[in-house]
Amino acid sequence: MKHYAGIDLSMETSHVCVVDAEGRKVAAQGVDSTPEAIAAMLERHGPLERVVIETGLAR
């Protein structure tokens, strides 16, 4: 089954959501904003078709 991920990237905690091809949520979780923590969350869901990242300049 195809999975897609979205990451809302922030300075300390990022939010990751994984959905299937029909748009149903497979997983959603807040993780530390380190490459290792984000990669560990994504790797649990196998190969992903696409990953999108949202970031902003919120203060």
PDB file of N, CA and C in Angstrom:
ATOM      1  N   MET A   1       0.840  -1.175   0.000  1.00  0.00           N
ATOM      2  CA  MET A   1       0.000   0.000   0.000  1.00  0.00           C
ATOM      3  C   MET A   1       0.889   1.244   0.000  1.00  0.00           C
ATOM      4  N   LYS A   2       0.505   2.238  -0.759  1.00  0.00           N
ATOM      5  CA  LYS A   2       1.271   3.476  -0.840  1.00  0.00           C
ATOM      6  C   LYS A   2       0.975   4.370   0.358  1.00  0.00           C
ATOM      7  N   HIS A   3       2.047   4.957   0.892  1.00  0.00           N
ATOM      8  CA  HIS A   3       1.918   5.898   1.997  1.00  0.00           C
ATOM      9  C   HIS A   3       2.603   7.210   1.641  1.00  0.00           C
ATOM     10  N   TYR A   4       2.066   8.284   2.206  1.00  0.00           N
ATOM     11  CA  TYR A   4       2.574   9.635   1.992  1.00  0.00           C
ATOM     12  C   TYR A   4       2.729  10.288   3.357  1.00  0.00           C
ATOM     13  N   ALA A   5       3.694  11.199   3.499  1.00  0.00           N
ATOM     14  CA  ALA A   5       3.920  11.836   4.794  1.00  0.00           C
ATOM     15  C   ALA A   5       3.981  13.343   4.647  1.00  0.00           C
ATOM     16  N   GLY A   6       3.502  14.016   5.677  1.00  0.00           N
ATOM     17  CA  GLY A   6       3.618  15.464   5.785  1.00  0.00           C
ATOM     18  C   GLY A   6       4.301  15.784   7.098  1.00  0.00           C
ATOM     19  N   ILE A   7       5.210  16.738   7.065  1.00  0.00           N
ATOM     20  CA  ILE A   7       5.943  17.143   8.263  1.00  0.00           C
ATOM     21  C   ILE A   7       5.742  18.636   8.466  1.00  0.00           C
ATOM     22  N   ASP A   8       5.247  19.017   9.645  1.00  0.00           N
ATOM     23  CA  ASP A   8       5.168  20.423  10.042  1.00  0.00           C
ATOM     24  C   ASP A   8       6.408  20.667  10.888  1.00  0.00           C
ATOM     25  N   LEU A   9       7.427  21.232  10.278  1.00  0.00           N
ATOM     26  CA  LEU A   9       8.748  21.359  10.885  1.00  0.00           C
ATOM     27  C   LEU A   9       8.835  22.620  11.737  1.00  0.00           C
ATOM     28  N   SER A  10       9.231  22.447  12.995  1.00  0.00           N
ATOM     29  CA  SER A  10       9.408  23.558  13.930  1.00  0.00           C
ATOM     30  C   SER A  10      10.769  23.435  14.600  1.00  0.00           C
ATOM     31  N   MET A  11      11.114  24.423  15.392  1.00  0.00           N
ATOM     32  CA  MET A  11      12.437  24.456  16.013  1.00  0.00           C
ATOM     33  C   MET A  11      12.667  23.303  16.998  1.00  0.00           C
ATOM     34  N   GLU A  12      11.687  23.026  17.864  1.00  0.00           N
ATOM     35  CA  GLU A  12      11.889  22.020  18.912  1.00  0.00           C
ATOM     36  C   GLU A  12      11.112  20.733  18.668  1.00  0.00           C
ATOM     37  N   THR A  13       9.825  20.870  18.340  1.00  0.00           N
ATOM     38  CA  THR A  13       8.968  19.704  18.115  1.00  0.00           C
ATOM     39  C   THR A  13       8.317  19.819  16.750  1.00  0.00           C
ATOM     40  N   SER A  14       8.395  18.774  15.973  1.00  0.00           N
ATOM     41  CA  SER A  14       7.749  18.732  14.663  1.00  0.00           C
ATOM     42  C   SER A  14       6.601  17.734  14.714  1.00  0.00           C
ATOM     43  N   HIS A  15       5.636  17.919  13.820  1.00  0.00           N
ATOM     44  CA  HIS A  15       4.496  17.012  13.766  1.00  0.00           C
ATOM     45  C   HIS A  15       4.523  16.289  12.430  1.00  0.00           C
ATOM     46  N   VAL A  16       4.395  14.972  12.507  1.00  0.00           N
ATOM     47  CA  VAL A  16       4.472  14.120  11.322  1.00  0.00           C
ATOM     48  C   VAL A  16       3.141  13.389  11.170  1.00  0.00           C
ATOM     49  N   CYS A  17       2.612  13.393   9.958  1.00  0.00           N
ATOM     50  CA  CYS A  17       1.383  12.660   9.660  1.00  0.00           C
ATOM     51  C   CYS A  17       1.634  11.785   8.441  1.00  0.00           C
ATOM     52  N   VAL A  18       1.211  10.528   8.529  1.00  0.00           N
ATOM     53  CA  VAL A  18       1.329   9.585   7.416  1.00  0.00           C
ATOM     54  C   VAL A  18      -0.086   9.183   7.012  1.00  0.00           C
ATOM     55  N   VAL A  19      -0.370   9.249   5.709  1.00  0.00           N
ATOM     56  CA  VAL A  19      -1.683   8.857   5.194  1.00  0.00           C
ATOM     57  C   VAL A  19      -1.507   7.809   4.102  1.00  0.00           C
ATOM     58  N   ASP A  20      -2.593   7.067   3.841  1.00  0.00           N
ATOM     59  CA  ASP A  20      -2.550   6.089   2.756  1.00  0.00           C
ATOM     60  C   ASP A  20      -3.036   6.739   1.460  1.00  0.00           C
ATOM     61  N   ALA A  21      -3.116   5.972   0.399  1.00  0.00           N
ATOM     62  CA  ALA A  21      -3.475   6.502  -0.918  1.00  0.00           C
ATOM     63  C   ALA A  21      -4.890   7.076  -0.963  1.00  0.00           C
ATOM     64  N   GLU A  22      -5.751   6.656  -0.035  1.00  0.00           N
ATOM     65  CA  GLU A  22      -7.115   7.174   0.026  1.00  0.00           C
ATOM     66  C   GLU A  22      -7.222   8.385   0.948  1.00  0.00           C
ATOM     67  N   GLY A  23      -6.102   8.800   1.540  1.00  0.00           N
ATOM     68  CA  GLY A  23      -6.098   9.955   2.433  1.00  0.00           C
ATOM     69  C   GLY A  23      -6.441   9.629   3.876  1.00  0.00           C
ATOM     70  N   ARG A  24      -6.546   8.354   4.207  1.00  0.00           N
ATOM     71  CA  ARG A  24      -6.840   7.959   5.592  1.00  0.00           C
ATOM     72  C   ARG A  24      -5.575   8.049   6.430  1.00  0.00           C
ATOM     73  N   LYS A  25      -5.712   8.630   7.613  1.00  0.00           N
ATOM     74  CA  LYS A  25      -4.569   8.786   8.507  1.00  0.00           C
ATOM     75  C   LYS A  25      -4.098   7.433   9.005  1.00  0.00           C
ATOM     76  N   VAL A  26      -2.822   7.153   8.805  1.00  0.00           N
ATOM     77  CA  VAL A  26      -2.189   5.925   9.267  1.00  0.00           C
ATOM     78  C   VAL A  26      -1.504   6.177  10.607  1.00  0.00           C
ATOM     79  N   ALA A  27      -0.897   7.353  10.745  1.00  0.00           N
ATOM     80  CA  ALA A  27      -0.203   7.712  11.981  1.00  0.00           C
ATOM     81  C   ALA A  27      -0.043   9.222  12.040  1.00  0.00           C
ATOM     82  N   ALA A  28      -0.014   9.743  13.253  1.00  0.00           N
ATOM     83  CA  ALA A  28       0.272  11.160  13.479  1.00  0.00           C
ATOM     84  C   ALA A  28       0.949  11.264  14.835  1.00  0.00           C
ATOM     85  N   GLN A  29       2.028  12.010  14.875  1.00  0.00           N
ATOM     86  CA  GLN A  29       2.806  12.053  16.112  1.00  0.00           C
ATOM     87  C   GLN A  29       3.681  13.298  16.132  1.00  0.00           C
ATOM     88  N   GLY A  30       3.855  13.864  17.325  1.00  0.00           N
ATOM     89  CA  GLY A  30       4.843  14.908  17.535  1.00  0.00           C
ATOM     90  C   GLY A  30       6.176  14.254  17.861  1.00  0.00           C
ATOM     91  N   VAL A  31       7.247  14.763  17.265  1.00  0.00           N
ATOM     92  CA  VAL A  31       8.585  14.205  17.491  1.00  0.00           C
ATOM     93  C   VAL A  31       9.577  15.343  17.679  1.00  0.00           C
ATOM     94  N   ASP A  32      10.704  15.042  18.306  1.00  0.00           N
ATOM     95  CA  ASP A  32      11.781  16.023  18.389  1.00  0.00           C
ATOM     96  C   ASP A  32      12.189  16.423  16.974  1.00  0.00           C
ATOM     97  N   SER A  33      12.584  17.667  16.814  1.00  0.00           N
ATOM     98  CA  SER A  33      12.967  18.169  15.486  1.00  0.00           C
ATOM     99  C   SER A  33      14.416  17.862  15.147  1.00  0.00           C
ATOM    100  N   THR A  34      14.786  16.606  15.310  1.00  0.00           N
ATOM    101  CA  THR A  34      16.125  16.171  14.914  1.00  0.00           C
ATOM    102  C   THR A  34      15.972  15.251  13.713  1.00  0.00           C
ATOM    103  N   PRO A  35      16.962  15.212  12.846  1.00  0.00           N
ATOM    104  CA  PRO A  35      16.869  14.295  11.705  1.00  0.00           C
ATOM    105  C   PRO A  35      16.639  12.849  12.140  1.00  0.00           C
ATOM    106  N   GLU A  36      17.277  12.448  13.231  1.00  0.00           N
ATOM    107  CA  GLU A  36      17.156  11.063  13.702  1.00  0.00           C
ATOM    108  C   GLU A  36      15.732  10.743  14.152  1.00  0.00           C
ATOM    109  N   ALA A  37      15.104  11.649  14.899  1.00  0.00           N
ATOM    110  CA  ALA A  37      13.750  11.402  15.405  1.00  0.00           C
ATOM    111  C   ALA A  37      12.729  11.387  14.269  1.00  0.00           C
ATOM    112  N   ILE A  38      12.869  12.315  13.341  1.00  0.00           N
ATOM    113  CA  ILE A  38      11.941  12.364  12.210  1.00  0.00           C
ATOM    114  C   ILE A  38      12.116  11.123  11.337  1.00  0.00           C
ATOM    115  N   ALA A  39      13.347  10.748  11.051  1.00  0.00           N
ATOM    116  CA  ALA A  39      13.608   9.556  10.233  1.00  0.00           C
ATOM    117  C   ALA A  39      13.067   8.300  10.906  1.00  0.00           C
ATOM    118  N   ALA A  40      13.242   8.177  12.217  1.00  0.00           N
ATOM    119  CA  ALA A  40      12.753   6.992  12.933  1.00  0.00           C
ATOM    120  C   ALA A  40      11.240   6.870  12.810  1.00  0.00           C
ATOM    121  N   MET A  41      10.526   7.984  12.917  1.00  0.00           N
ATOM    122  CA  MET A  41       9.069   7.962  12.789  1.00  0.00           C
ATOM    123  C   MET A  41       8.671   7.544  11.370  1.00  0.00           C
ATOM    124  N   LEU A  42       9.322   8.106  10.365  1.00  0.00           N
ATOM    125  CA  LEU A  42       8.970   7.796   8.978  1.00  0.00           C
ATOM    126  C   LEU A  42       9.327   6.364   8.597  1.00  0.00           C
ATOM    127  N   GLU A  43      10.444   5.859   9.083  1.00  0.00           N
ATOM    128  CA  GLU A  43      10.902   4.510   8.730  1.00  0.00           C
ATOM    129  C   GLU A  43       9.957   3.417   9.214  1.00  0.00           C
ATOM    130  N   ARG A  44       9.167   3.692  10.237  1.00  0.00           N
ATOM    131  CA  ARG A  44       8.210   2.700  10.748  1.00  0.00           C
ATOM    132  C   ARG A  44       7.115   2.384   9.735  1.00  0.00           C
ATOM    133  N   HIS A  45       6.975   3.226   8.717  1.00  0.00           N
ATOM    134  CA  HIS A  45       5.874   3.070   7.764  1.00  0.00           C
ATOM    135  C   HIS A  45       6.348   2.646   6.385  1.00  0.00           C
ATOM    136  N   GLY A  46       7.559   2.105   6.323  1.00  0.00           N
ATOM    137  CA  GLY A  46       8.074   1.568   5.066  1.00  0.00           C
ATOM    138  C   GLY A  46       8.383   2.652   4.053  1.00  0.00           C
ATOM    139  N   PRO A  47       8.630   2.246   2.829  1.00  0.00           N
ATOM    140  CA  PRO A  47       8.929   3.228   1.787  1.00  0.00           C
ATOM    141  C   PRO A  47       7.737   4.167   1.586  1.00  0.00           C
ATOM    142  N   LEU A  48       8.021   5.443   1.458  1.00  0.00           N
ATOM    143  CA  LEU A  48       6.980   6.449   1.254  1.00  0.00           C
ATOM    144  C   LEU A  48       7.014   6.927  -0.196  1.00  0.00           C
ATOM    145  N   GLU A  49       5.839   7.166  -0.750  1.00  0.00           N
ATOM    146  CA  GLU A  49       5.747   7.670  -2.122  1.00  0.00           C
ATOM    147  C   GLU A  49       6.234   9.111  -2.207  1.00  0.00           C
ATOM    148  N   ARG A  50       5.877   9.915  -1.203  1.00  0.00           N
ATOM    149  CA  ARG A  50       6.227  11.330  -1.225  1.00  0.00           C
ATOM    150  C   ARG A  50       6.199  11.867   0.199  1.00  0.00           C
ATOM    151  N   VAL A  51       7.082  12.820   0.467  1.00  0.00           N
ATOM    152  CA  VAL A  51       7.124  13.505   1.758  1.00  0.00           C
ATOM    153  C   VAL A  51       7.095  14.997   1.475  1.00  0.00           C
ATOM    154  N   VAL A  52       6.199  15.713   2.156  1.00  0.00           N
ATOM    155  CA  VAL A  52       6.148  17.166   2.028  1.00  0.00           C
ATOM    156  C   VAL A  52       6.486  17.782   3.378  1.00  0.00           C
ATOM    157  N   ILE A  53       7.119  18.939   3.339  1.00  0.00           N
ATOM    158  CA  ILE A  53       7.540  19.624   4.561  1.00  0.00           C
ATOM    159  C   ILE A  53       6.977  21.030   4.550  1.00  0.00           C
ATOM    160  N   GLU A  54       6.350  21.410   5.670  1.00  0.00           N
ATOM    161  CA  GLU A  54       5.863  22.768   5.842  1.00  0.00           C
ATOM    162  C   GLU A  54       6.685  23.413   6.940  1.00  0.00           C
ATOM    163  N   THR A  55       7.144  24.607   6.687  1.00  0.00           N
ATOM    164  CA  THR A  55       7.878  25.351   7.695  1.00  0.00           C
ATOM    165  C   THR A  55       7.510  26.815   7.560  1.00  0.00           C
ATOM    166  N   GLY A  56       7.667  27.545   8.630  1.00  0.00           N
ATOM    167  CA  GLY A  56       7.325  28.963   8.604  1.00  0.00           C
ATOM    168  C   GLY A  56       8.273  29.754   9.475  1.00  0.00           C
ATOM    169  N   LEU A  57       7.960  31.006   9.616  1.00  0.00           N
ATOM    170  CA  LEU A  57       8.804  31.904  10.401  1.00  0.00           C
ATOM    171  C   LEU A  57       8.082  32.397  11.644  1.00  0.00           C
ATOM    172  N   ALA A  58       7.252  31.556  12.259  1.00  0.00           N
ATOM    173  CA  ALA A  58       6.509  31.949  13.458  1.00  0.00           C
ATOM    174  C   ALA A  58       7.462  32.344  14.566  1.00  0.00           C
ATOM    175  N   ARG A  59       7.093  33.360  15.287  1.00  0.00           N
ATOM    176  CA  ARG A  59       7.922  33.835  16.405  1.00  0.00           C
ATOM    177  C   ARG A  59       7.130  33.842  17.673  1.00  0.00           C
TER     178      ARG A  59
END
